[in-house]
Amino acid sequence: MAALTGVQVGCSIVATRCVVEQTYLWPWALDHAPPTEVTVFLALSPVTATILGATLLGEAVSPIVGVGVALVAAGIWLATRATTGPRAVG
Protein backbone atom coordinates (compact mmCIF):
# COMPACT_ATOMS: atom_id res chain seq x y z
CA MET A 1 0.00 0.00 0.00
CA ALA A 2 1.32 3.42 -0.93
CA ALA A 3 1.90 6.08 1.73
CA LEU A 4 -0.81 8.69 2.11
CA THR A 5 -0.07 12.26 1.17
CA GLY A 6 -0.82 15.18 3.48
CA VAL A 7 -3.85 16.11 1.40
CA GLN A 8 -5.25 12.58 1.62
CA VAL A 9 -4.77 12.50 5.38
CA GLY A 10 -6.37 15.94 5.72
CA CYS A 11 -9.35 14.93 3.61
CA SER A 12 -9.77 11.73 5.63
CA ILE A 13 -9.81 13.70 8.88
CA VAL A 14 -12.39 16.15 7.54
CA ALA A 15 -14.59 13.36 6.19
CA THR A 16 -14.43 11.51 9.52
CA ARG A 17 -15.33 14.69 11.39
CA CYS A 18 -18.38 15.21 9.17
CA VAL A 19 -19.61 11.65 9.67
CA VAL A 20 -19.17 11.82 13.45
CA GLU A 21 -20.82 15.23 13.64
CA GLN A 22 -23.85 14.27 11.57
CA THR A 23 -24.30 10.84 13.15
CA TYR A 24 -23.68 11.56 16.82
CA LEU A 25 -23.19 15.20 17.76
CA TRP A 26 -26.23 16.85 16.14
CA PRO A 27 -28.77 14.33 17.50
CA TRP A 28 -27.13 14.58 20.95
CA ALA A 29 -27.26 18.39 20.81
CA LEU A 30 -30.92 18.33 19.75
CA ASP A 31 -31.71 16.15 22.77
CA HIS A 32 -30.04 18.65 25.12
CA ALA A 33 -30.90 22.08 23.68
CA PRO A 34 -33.70 23.75 21.72
CA PRO A 35 -33.43 23.35 17.93
CA THR A 36 -33.16 27.13 17.49
CA GLU A 37 -29.97 27.17 19.53
CA VAL A 38 -28.48 24.08 17.89
CA THR A 39 -28.99 25.32 14.33
CA VAL A 40 -27.10 28.53 15.05
CA PHE A 41 -23.94 26.43 15.17
CA LEU A 42 -24.41 25.32 11.56
CA ALA A 43 -22.66 28.60 10.77
CA LEU A 44 -19.49 27.06 12.23
CA SER A 45 -19.06 24.79 9.20
CA PRO A 46 -17.25 27.40 7.07
CA VAL A 47 -15.18 28.47 10.08
CA THR A 48 -14.16 24.88 10.73
CA ALA A 49 -13.39 24.34 7.05
CA THR A 50 -11.19 27.45 7.03
CA ILE A 51 -9.27 26.38 10.12
CA LEU A 52 -8.81 22.79 8.93
CA GLY A 53 -7.82 23.93 5.45
CA ALA A 54 -5.20 26.28 6.83
CA THR A 55 -3.76 23.90 9.41
CA LEU A 56 -3.99 20.55 7.65
CA LEU A 57 -3.69 21.50 4.00
CA GLY A 58 -1.62 24.67 4.24
CA GLU A 59 -4.20 26.84 2.48
CA ALA A 60 -3.64 30.56 2.64
CA VAL A 61 -6.16 32.57 4.66
CA SER A 62 -6.68 36.05 3.24
CA PRO A 63 -7.56 39.04 5.42
CA ILE A 64 -11.11 39.08 4.06
CA VAL A 65 -11.57 35.45 5.12
CA GLY A 66 -10.30 36.40 8.58
CA VAL A 67 -12.91 39.17 8.71
CA GLY A 68 -15.57 36.69 7.64
CA VAL A 69 -14.58 34.21 10.35
CA ALA A 70 -14.69 37.01 12.94
CA LEU A 71 -18.16 38.10 11.75
CA VAL A 72 -19.49 34.53 11.95
CA ALA A 73 -18.07 34.20 15.47
CA ALA A 74 -19.68 37.51 16.48
CA GLY A 75 -23.00 36.39 15.02
CA ILE A 76 -22.92 33.14 16.95
CA TRP A 77 -22.05 35.01 20.12
CA LEU A 78 -24.94 37.44 19.58
CA ALA A 79 -27.38 34.63 18.86
CA THR A 80 -26.44 32.55 21.90
CA ARG A 81 -25.64 35.11 24.59
CA ALA A 82 -27.75 35.05 27.71
CA THR A 83 -30.16 37.88 28.31
CA THR A 84 -31.25 39.08 31.71
CA GLY A 85 -34.78 40.10 30.83
CA PRO A 86 -37.12 41.07 28.04
CA ARG A 87 -35.66 43.31 25.38
CA ALA A 88 -37.22 46.69 24.75
CA VAL A 89 -38.94 47.06 21.41
CA GLY A 90 -39.11 50.37 19.66
PDB file of N, CA and C in Angstrom:
ATOM      1  N   MET A   1       0.845  -1.182   0.000  1.00  0.00           N
ATOM      2  CA  MET A   1       0.000   0.000   0.000  1.00  0.00           C
ATOM      3  C   MET A   1       0.888   1.243   0.000  1.00  0.00           C
ATOM      4  N   ALA A   2       0.536   2.189  -0.812  1.00  0.00           N
ATOM      5  CA  ALA A   2       1.315   3.424  -0.928  1.00  0.00           C
ATOM      6  C   ALA A   2       1.065   4.328   0.279  1.00  0.00           C
ATOM      7  N   ALA A   3       2.042   5.127   0.616  1.00  0.00           N
ATOM      8  CA  ALA A   3       1.900   6.078   1.727  1.00  0.00           C
ATOM      9  C   ALA A   3       0.904   7.170   1.353  1.00  0.00           C
ATOM     10  N   LEU A   4       0.160   7.623   2.333  1.00  0.00           N
ATOM     11  CA  LEU A   4      -0.815   8.688   2.106  1.00  0.00           C
ATOM     12  C   LEU A   4      -0.117  10.039   2.073  1.00  0.00           C
ATOM     13  N   THR A   5      -0.591  10.903   1.210  1.00  0.00           N
ATOM     14  CA  THR A   5      -0.066  12.263   1.171  1.00  0.00           C
ATOM     15  C   THR A   5      -0.757  13.104   2.245  1.00  0.00           C
ATOM     16  N   GLY A   6      -0.222  14.281   2.504  1.00  0.00           N
ATOM     17  CA  GLY A   6      -0.821  15.179   3.483  1.00  0.00           C
ATOM     18  C   GLY A   6      -2.246  15.556   3.127  1.00  0.00           C
ATOM     19  N   VAL A   7      -2.497  15.744   1.842  1.00  0.00           N
ATOM     20  CA  VAL A   7      -3.851  16.109   1.401  1.00  0.00           C
ATOM     21  C   VAL A   7      -4.812  14.958   1.664  1.00  0.00           C
ATOM     22  N   GLN A   8      -4.382  13.730   1.384  1.00  0.00           N
ATOM     23  CA  GLN A   8      -5.253  12.581   1.619  1.00  0.00           C
ATOM     24  C   GLN A   8      -5.550  12.406   3.104  1.00  0.00           C
ATOM     25  N   VAL A   9      -4.560  12.603   3.943  1.00  0.00           N
ATOM     26  CA  VAL A   9      -4.772  12.501   5.383  1.00  0.00           C
ATOM     27  C   VAL A   9      -5.726  13.603   5.843  1.00  0.00           C
ATOM     28  N   GLY A  10      -5.502  14.826   5.368  1.00  0.00           N
ATOM     29  CA  GLY A  10      -6.374  15.937   5.725  1.00  0.00           C
ATOM     30  C   GLY A  10      -7.810  15.701   5.303  1.00  0.00           C
ATOM     31  N   CYS A  11      -7.997  15.218   4.102  1.00  0.00           N
ATOM     32  CA  CYS A  11      -9.349  14.934   3.608  1.00  0.00           C
ATOM     33  C   CYS A  11     -10.007  13.823   4.425  1.00  0.00           C
ATOM     34  N   SER A  12      -9.230  12.821   4.812  1.00  0.00           N
ATOM     35  CA  SER A  12      -9.769  11.732   5.630  1.00  0.00           C
ATOM     36  C   SER A  12     -10.215  12.241   6.988  1.00  0.00           C
ATOM     37  N   ILE A  13      -9.446  13.133   7.574  1.00  0.00           N
ATOM     38  CA  ILE A  13      -9.810  13.700   8.877  1.00  0.00           C
ATOM     39  C   ILE A  13     -11.088  14.510   8.762  1.00  0.00           C
ATOM     40  N   VAL A  14     -11.190  15.324   7.726  1.00  0.00           N
ATOM     41  CA  VAL A  14     -12.386  16.148   7.538  1.00  0.00           C
ATOM     42  C   VAL A  14     -13.606  15.270   7.290  1.00  0.00           C
ATOM     43  N   ALA A  15     -13.470  14.249   6.469  1.00  0.00           N
ATOM     44  CA  ALA A  15     -14.590  13.357   6.190  1.00  0.00           C
ATOM     45  C   ALA A  15     -15.043  12.636   7.456  1.00  0.00           C
ATOM     46  N   THR A  16     -14.090  12.191   8.256  1.00  0.00           N
ATOM     47  CA  THR A  16     -14.425  11.513   9.520  1.00  0.00           C
ATOM     48  C   THR A  16     -15.156  12.458  10.459  1.00  0.00           C
ATOM     49  N   ARG A  17     -14.680  13.700  10.536  1.00  0.00           N
ATOM     50  CA  ARG A  17     -15.330  14.692  11.387  1.00  0.00           C
ATOM     51  C   ARG A  17     -16.783  14.898  10.956  1.00  0.00           C
ATOM     52  N   CYS A  18     -17.015  14.990   9.663  1.00  0.00           N
ATOM     53  CA  CYS A  18     -18.376  15.215   9.165  1.00  0.00           C
ATOM     54  C   CYS A  18     -19.297  14.051   9.518  1.00  0.00           C
ATOM     55  N   VAL A  19     -18.800  12.825   9.359  1.00  0.00           N
ATOM     56  CA  VAL A  19     -19.615  11.650   9.671  1.00  0.00           C
ATOM     57  C   VAL A  19     -19.946  11.608  11.161  1.00  0.00           C
ATOM     58  N   VAL A  20     -18.945  11.842  11.998  1.00  0.00           N
ATOM     59  CA  VAL A  20     -19.169  11.825  13.451  1.00  0.00           C
ATOM     60  C   VAL A  20     -20.145  12.922  13.847  1.00  0.00           C
ATOM     61  N   GLU A  21     -19.948  14.112  13.290  1.00  0.00           N
ATOM     62  CA  GLU A  21     -20.819  15.233  13.638  1.00  0.00           C
ATOM     63  C   GLU A  21     -22.265  14.945  13.266  1.00  0.00           C
ATOM     64  N   GLN A  22     -22.485  14.496  12.046  1.00  0.00           N
ATOM     65  CA  GLN A  22     -23.847  14.275  11.573  1.00  0.00           C
ATOM     66  C   GLN A  22     -24.513  13.079  12.242  1.00  0.00           C
ATOM     67  N   THR A  23     -23.734  12.060  12.587  1.00  0.00           N
ATOM     68  CA  THR A  23     -24.302  10.844  13.151  1.00  0.00           C
ATOM     69  C   THR A  23     -24.530  10.930  14.649  1.00  0.00           C
ATOM     70  N   TYR A  24     -23.617  11.592  15.361  1.00  0.00           N
ATOM     71  CA  TYR A  24     -23.678  11.561  16.816  1.00  0.00           C
ATOM     72  C   TYR A  24     -23.898  12.925  17.475  1.00  0.00           C
ATOM     73  N   LEU A  25     -23.174  13.935  17.036  1.00  0.00           N
ATOM     74  CA  LEU A  25     -23.195  15.201  17.764  1.00  0.00           C
ATOM     75  C   LEU A  25     -24.482  15.992  17.581  1.00  0.00           C
ATOM     76  N   TRP A  26     -25.002  16.075  16.339  1.00  0.00           N
ATOM     77  CA  TRP A  26     -26.232  16.845  16.141  1.00  0.00           C
ATOM     78  C   TRP A  26     -27.421  16.223  16.852  1.00  0.00           C
ATOM     79  N   PRO A  27     -27.649  14.910  16.742  1.00  0.00           N
ATOM     80  CA  PRO A  27     -28.768  14.331  17.504  1.00  0.00           C
ATOM     81  C   PRO A  27     -28.603  14.512  19.013  1.00  0.00           C
ATOM     82  N   TRP A  28     -27.369  14.378  19.521  1.00  0.00           N
ATOM     83  CA  TRP A  28     -27.133  14.584  20.950  1.00  0.00           C
ATOM     84  C   TRP A  28     -27.471  16.027  21.332  1.00  0.00           C
ATOM     85  N   ALA A  29     -27.006  16.982  20.519  1.00  0.00           N
ATOM     86  CA  ALA A  29     -27.264  18.390  20.811  1.00  0.00           C
ATOM     87  C   ALA A  29     -28.763  18.687  20.781  1.00  0.00           C
ATOM     88  N   LEU A  30     -29.476  18.097  19.834  1.00  0.00           N
ATOM     89  CA  LEU A  30     -30.919  18.331  19.751  1.00  0.00           C
ATOM     90  C   LEU A  30     -31.669  17.736  20.943  1.00  0.00           C
ATOM     91  N   ASP A  31     -31.105  16.709  21.565  1.00  0.00           N
ATOM     92  CA  ASP A  31     -31.714  16.150  22.769  1.00  0.00           C
ATOM     93  C   ASP A  31     -31.463  17.020  23.993  1.00  0.00           C
ATOM     94  N   HIS A  32     -30.442  17.894  23.934  1.00  0.00           N
ATOM     95  CA  HIS A  32     -30.035  18.653  25.116  1.00  0.00           C
ATOM     96  C   HIS A  32     -30.252  20.169  25.003  1.00  0.00           C
ATOM     97  N   ALA A  33     -30.692  20.640  23.869  1.00  0.00           N
ATOM     98  CA  ALA A  33     -30.904  22.081  23.680  1.00  0.00           C
ATOM     99  C   ALA A  33     -32.026  22.290  22.665  1.00  0.00           C
ATOM    100  N   PRO A  34     -32.649  23.455  22.694  1.00  0.00           N
ATOM    101  CA  PRO A  34     -33.702  23.751  21.717  1.00  0.00           C
ATOM    102  C   PRO A  34     -33.129  23.789  20.288  1.00  0.00           C
ATOM    103  N   PRO A  35     -33.906  23.355  19.312  1.00  0.00           N
ATOM    104  CA  PRO A  35     -33.427  23.352  17.930  1.00  0.00           C
ATOM    105  C   PRO A  35     -32.958  24.721  17.441  1.00  0.00           C
ATOM    106  N   THR A  36     -33.581  25.796  17.927  1.00  0.00           N
ATOM    107  CA  THR A  36     -33.163  27.130  17.491  1.00  0.00           C
ATOM    108  C   THR A  36     -31.749  27.458  17.936  1.00  0.00           C
ATOM    109  N   GLU A  37     -31.331  26.938  19.077  1.00  0.00           N
ATOM    110  CA  GLU A  37     -29.968  27.171  19.535  1.00  0.00           C
ATOM    111  C   GLU A  37     -28.973  26.271  18.806  1.00  0.00           C
ATOM    112  N   VAL A  38     -29.375  25.035  18.546  1.00  0.00           N
ATOM    113  CA  VAL A  38     -28.477  24.081  17.891  1.00  0.00           C
ATOM    114  C   VAL A  38     -28.190  24.512  16.450  1.00  0.00           C
ATOM    115  N   THR A  39     -29.197  24.979  15.737  1.00  0.00           N
ATOM    116  CA  THR A  39     -28.995  25.318  14.329  1.00  0.00           C
ATOM    117  C   THR A  39     -28.114  26.543  14.140  1.00  0.00           C
ATOM    118  N   VAL A  40     -28.001  27.386  15.149  1.00  0.00           N
ATOM    119  CA  VAL A  40     -27.102  28.533  15.049  1.00  0.00           C
ATOM    120  C   VAL A  40     -25.681  28.063  14.764  1.00  0.00           C
ATOM    121  N   PHE A  41     -25.305  26.925  15.318  1.00  0.00           N
ATOM    122  CA  PHE A  41     -23.945  26.433  15.170  1.00  0.00           C
ATOM    123  C   PHE A  41     -23.665  25.820  13.806  1.00  0.00           C
ATOM    124  N   LEU A  42     -24.676  25.717  12.944  1.00  0.00           N
ATOM    125  CA  LEU A  42     -24.414  25.316  11.560  1.00  0.00           C
ATOM    126  C   LEU A  42     -23.501  26.323  10.868  1.00  0.00           C
ATOM    127  N   ALA A  43     -23.524  27.563  11.342  1.00  0.00           N
ATOM    128  CA  ALA A  43     -22.660  28.596  10.774  1.00  0.00           C
ATOM    129  C   ALA A  43     -21.191  28.317  11.042  1.00  0.00           C
ATOM    130  N   LEU A  44     -20.884  27.397  11.949  1.00  0.00           N
ATOM    131  CA  LEU A  44     -19.487  27.063  12.233  1.00  0.00           C
ATOM    132  C   LEU A  44     -18.844  26.223  11.139  1.00  0.00           C
ATOM    133  N   SER A  45     -19.639  25.642  10.248  1.00  0.00           N
ATOM    134  CA  SER A  45     -19.057  24.794   9.202  1.00  0.00           C
ATOM    135  C   SER A  45     -18.022  25.519   8.355  1.00  0.00           C
ATOM    136  N   PRO A  46     -18.293  26.725   7.844  1.00  0.00           N
ATOM    137  CA  PRO A  46     -17.253  27.399   7.069  1.00  0.00           C
ATOM    138  C   PRO A  46     -16.047  27.799   7.914  1.00  0.00           C
ATOM    139  N   VAL A  47     -16.287  28.119   9.185  1.00  0.00           N
ATOM    140  CA  VAL A  47     -15.179  28.471  10.076  1.00  0.00           C
ATOM    141  C   VAL A  47     -14.285  27.254  10.280  1.00  0.00           C
ATOM    142  N   THR A  48     -14.909  26.118  10.550  1.00  0.00           N
ATOM    143  CA  THR A  48     -14.158  24.880  10.733  1.00  0.00           C
ATOM    144  C   THR A  48     -13.403  24.516   9.459  1.00  0.00           C
ATOM    145  N   ALA A  49     -14.054  24.647   8.315  1.00  0.00           N
ATOM    146  CA  ALA A  49     -13.388  24.339   7.046  1.00  0.00           C
ATOM    147  C   ALA A  49     -12.183  25.250   6.819  1.00  0.00           C
ATOM    148  N   THR A  50     -12.304  26.511   7.177  1.00  0.00           N
ATOM    149  CA  THR A  50     -11.188  27.454   7.031  1.00  0.00           C
ATOM    150  C   THR A  50     -10.022  27.062   7.925  1.00  0.00           C
ATOM    151  N   ILE A  51     -10.327  26.750   9.180  1.00  0.00           N
ATOM    152  CA  ILE A  51      -9.271  26.381  10.125  1.00  0.00           C
ATOM    153  C   ILE A  51      -8.599  25.075   9.710  1.00  0.00           C
ATOM    154  N   LEU A  52      -9.394  24.067   9.352  1.00  0.00           N
ATOM    155  CA  LEU A  52      -8.811  22.793   8.932  1.00  0.00           C
ATOM    156  C   LEU A  52      -8.024  22.928   7.634  1.00  0.00           C
ATOM    157  N   GLY A  53      -8.541  23.719   6.700  1.00  0.00           N
ATOM    158  CA  GLY A  53      -7.825  23.927   5.445  1.00  0.00           C
ATOM    159  C   GLY A  53      -6.481  24.597   5.657  1.00  0.00           C
ATOM    160  N   ALA A  54      -6.457  25.572   6.565  1.00  0.00           N
ATOM    161  CA  ALA A  54      -5.201  26.285   6.832  1.00  0.00           C
ATOM    162  C   ALA A  54      -4.212  25.410   7.587  1.00  0.00           C
ATOM    163  N   THR A  55      -4.691  24.665   8.584  1.00  0.00           N
ATOM    164  CA  THR A  55      -3.763  23.897   9.413  1.00  0.00           C
ATOM    165  C   THR A  55      -3.358  22.571   8.788  1.00  0.00           C
ATOM    166  N   LEU A  56      -4.299  21.872   8.183  1.00  0.00           N
ATOM    167  CA  LEU A  56      -3.988  20.548   7.647  1.00  0.00           C
ATOM    168  C   LEU A  56      -3.498  20.578   6.207  1.00  0.00           C
ATOM    169  N   LEU A  57      -4.024  21.492   5.425  1.00  0.00           N
ATOM    170  CA  LEU A  57      -3.695  21.503   4.000  1.00  0.00           C
ATOM    171  C   LEU A  57      -2.801  22.662   3.600  1.00  0.00           C
ATOM    172  N   GLY A  58      -2.508  23.554   4.539  1.00  0.00           N
ATOM    173  CA  GLY A  58      -1.623  24.673   4.244  1.00  0.00           C
ATOM    174  C   GLY A  58      -2.231  25.728   3.336  1.00  0.00           C
ATOM    175  N   GLU A  59      -3.545  25.829   3.306  1.00  0.00           N
ATOM    176  CA  GLU A  59      -4.196  26.838   2.476  1.00  0.00           C
ATOM    177  C   GLU A  59      -3.984  28.227   3.069  1.00  0.00           C
ATOM    178  N   ALA A  60      -3.829  29.182   2.197  1.00  0.00           N
ATOM    179  CA  ALA A  60      -3.639  30.564   2.641  1.00  0.00           C
ATOM    180  C   ALA A  60      -4.985  31.136   3.088  1.00  0.00           C
ATOM    181  N   VAL A  61      -4.963  31.906   4.160  1.00  0.00           N
ATOM    182  CA  VAL A  61      -6.164  32.574   4.657  1.00  0.00           C
ATOM    183  C   VAL A  61      -5.972  34.067   4.436  1.00  0.00           C
ATOM    184  N   SER A  62      -6.791  34.630   3.558  1.00  0.00           N
ATOM    185  CA  SER A  62      -6.675  36.047   3.242  1.00  0.00           C
ATOM    186  C   SER A  62      -7.290  36.892   4.359  1.00  0.00           C
ATOM    187  N   PRO A  63      -6.958  38.167   4.392  1.00  0.00           N
ATOM    188  CA  PRO A  63      -7.555  39.041   5.420  1.00  0.00           C
ATOM    189  C   PRO A  63      -9.077  39.076   5.357  1.00  0.00           C
ATOM    190  N   ILE A  64      -9.649  39.028   4.176  1.00  0.00           N
ATOM    191  CA  ILE A  64     -11.113  39.081   4.064  1.00  0.00           C
ATOM    192  C   ILE A  64     -11.745  37.818   4.641  1.00  0.00           C
ATOM    193  N   VAL A  65     -11.069  36.688   4.509  1.00  0.00           N
ATOM    194  CA  VAL A  65     -11.568  35.455   5.118  1.00  0.00           C
ATOM    195  C   VAL A  65     -11.491  35.569   6.640  1.00  0.00           C
ATOM    196  N   GLY A  66     -10.417  36.159   7.141  1.00  0.00           N
ATOM    197  CA  GLY A  66     -10.301  36.396   8.584  1.00  0.00           C
ATOM    198  C   GLY A  66     -11.429  37.271   9.098  1.00  0.00           C
ATOM    199  N   VAL A  67     -11.784  38.296   8.334  1.00  0.00           N
ATOM    200  CA  VAL A  67     -12.908  39.168   8.710  1.00  0.00           C
ATOM    201  C   VAL A  67     -14.204  38.360   8.706  1.00  0.00           C
ATOM    202  N   GLY A  68     -14.372  37.522   7.703  1.00  0.00           N
ATOM    203  CA  GLY A  68     -15.574  36.690   7.637  1.00  0.00           C
ATOM    204  C   GLY A  68     -15.696  35.746   8.818  1.00  0.00           C
ATOM    205  N   VAL A  69     -14.585  35.113   9.196  1.00  0.00           N
ATOM    206  CA  VAL A  69     -14.585  34.213  10.353  1.00  0.00           C
ATOM    207  C   VAL A  69     -14.948  34.998  11.619  1.00  0.00           C
ATOM    208  N   ALA A  70     -14.394  36.182  11.768  1.00  0.00           N
ATOM    209  CA  ALA A  70     -14.693  37.013  12.936  1.00  0.00           C
ATOM    210  C   ALA A  70     -16.178  37.408  12.961  1.00  0.00           C
ATOM    211  N   LEU A  71     -16.746  37.733  11.812  1.00  0.00           N
ATOM    212  CA  LEU A  71     -18.163  38.098  11.752  1.00  0.00           C
ATOM    213  C   LEU A  71     -19.062  36.915  12.092  1.00  0.00           C
ATOM    214  N   VAL A  72     -18.705  35.730  11.605  1.00  0.00           N
ATOM    215  CA  VAL A  72     -19.487  34.534  11.954  1.00  0.00           C
ATOM    216  C   VAL A  72     -19.416  34.283  13.455  1.00  0.00           C
ATOM    217  N   ALA A  73     -18.220  34.394  14.032  1.00  0.00           N
ATOM    218  CA  ALA A  73     -18.065  34.198  15.471  1.00  0.00           C
ATOM    219  C   ALA A  73     -18.889  35.223  16.245  1.00  0.00           C
ATOM    220  N   ALA A  74     -18.885  36.469  15.817  1.00  0.00           N
ATOM    221  CA  ALA A  74     -19.677  37.507  16.482  1.00  0.00           C
ATOM    222  C   ALA A  74     -21.169  37.215  16.359  1.00  0.00           C
ATOM    223  N   GLY A  75     -21.592  36.739  15.210  1.00  0.00           N
ATOM    224  CA  GLY A  75     -23.000  36.394  15.018  1.00  0.00           C
ATOM    225  C   GLY A  75     -23.440  35.257  15.915  1.00  0.00           C
ATOM    226  N   ILE A  76     -22.593  34.254  16.058  1.00  0.00           N
ATOM    227  CA  ILE A  76     -22.921  33.142  16.949  1.00  0.00           C
ATOM    228  C   ILE A  76     -22.977  33.621  18.392  1.00  0.00           C
ATOM    229  N   TRP A  77     -22.038  34.472  18.762  1.00  0.00           N
ATOM    230  CA  TRP A  77     -22.051  35.014  20.120  1.00  0.00           C
ATOM    231  C   TRP A  77     -23.335  35.809  20.376  1.00  0.00           C
ATOM    232  N   LEU A  78     -23.716  36.655  19.418  1.00  0.00           N
ATOM    233  CA  LEU A  78     -24.939  37.444  19.583  1.00  0.00           C
ATOM    234  C   LEU A  78     -26.175  36.560  19.673  1.00  0.00           C
ATOM    235  N   ALA A  79     -26.205  35.497  18.889  1.00  0.00           N
ATOM    236  CA  ALA A  79     -27.382  34.632  18.865  1.00  0.00           C
ATOM    237  C   ALA A  79     -27.502  33.755  20.098  1.00  0.00           C
ATOM    238  N   THR A  80     -26.398  33.495  20.778  1.00  0.00           N
ATOM    239  CA  THR A  80     -26.444  32.553  21.898  1.00  0.00           C
ATOM    240  C   THR A  80     -26.196  33.193  23.261  1.00  0.00           C
ATOM    241  N   ARG A  81     -25.933  34.488  23.300  1.00  0.00           N
ATOM    242  CA  ARG A  81     -25.637  35.111  24.595  1.00  0.00           C
ATOM    243  C   ARG A  81     -26.879  35.124  25.470  1.00  0.00           C
ATOM    244  N   ALA A  82     -26.646  35.058  26.745  1.00  0.00           N
ATOM    245  CA  ALA A  82     -27.748  35.053  27.707  1.00  0.00           C
ATOM    246  C   ALA A  82     -28.269  36.468  27.881  1.00  0.00           C
ATOM    247  N   THR A  83     -29.554  36.584  28.031  1.00  0.00           N
ATOM    248  CA  THR A  83     -30.163  37.883  28.312  1.00  0.00           C
ATOM    249  C   THR A  83     -30.731  37.852  29.715  1.00  0.00           C
ATOM    250  N   THR A  84     -30.785  39.008  30.329  1.00  0.00           N
ATOM    251  CA  THR A  84     -31.253  39.076  31.711  1.00  0.00           C
ATOM    252  C   THR A  84     -32.739  39.393  31.817  1.00  0.00           C
ATOM    253  N   GLY A  85     -33.354  39.773  30.764  1.00  0.00           N
ATOM    254  CA  GLY A  85     -34.779  40.102  30.834  1.00  0.00           C
ATOM    255  C   GLY A  85     -35.297  40.381  29.435  1.00  0.00           C
ATOM    256  N   PRO A  86     -36.554  40.782  29.349  1.00  0.00           N
ATOM    257  CA  PRO A  86     -37.117  41.071  28.037  1.00  0.00           C
ATOM    258  C   PRO A  86     -36.442  42.268  27.392  1.00  0.00           C
ATOM    259  N   ARG A  87     -36.287  42.209  26.108  1.00  0.00           N
ATOM    260  CA  ARG A  87     -35.663  43.308  25.376  1.00  0.00           C
ATOM    261  C   ARG A  87     -36.722  44.346  25.027  1.00  0.00           C
ATOM    262  N   ALA A  88     -36.306  45.601  25.100  1.00  0.00           N
ATOM    263  CA  ALA A  88     -37.219  46.686  24.745  1.00  0.00           C
ATOM    264  C   ALA A  88     -37.423  46.720  23.244  1.00  0.00           C
ATOM    265  N   VAL A  89     -38.622  46.968  22.833  1.00  0.00           N
ATOM    266  CA  VAL A  89     -38.941  47.065  21.414  1.00  0.00           C
ATOM    267  C   VAL A  89     -39.288  48.512  21.118  1.00  0.00           C
ATOM    268  N   GLY A  90     -38.728  49.027  20.012  1.00  0.00           N
ATOM    269  CA  GLY A  90     -39.110  50.372  19.658  1.00  0.00           C
ATOM    270  C   GLY A  90     -38.037  51.274  19.597  1.00  0.00           C
TER     271      GLY A  90
END
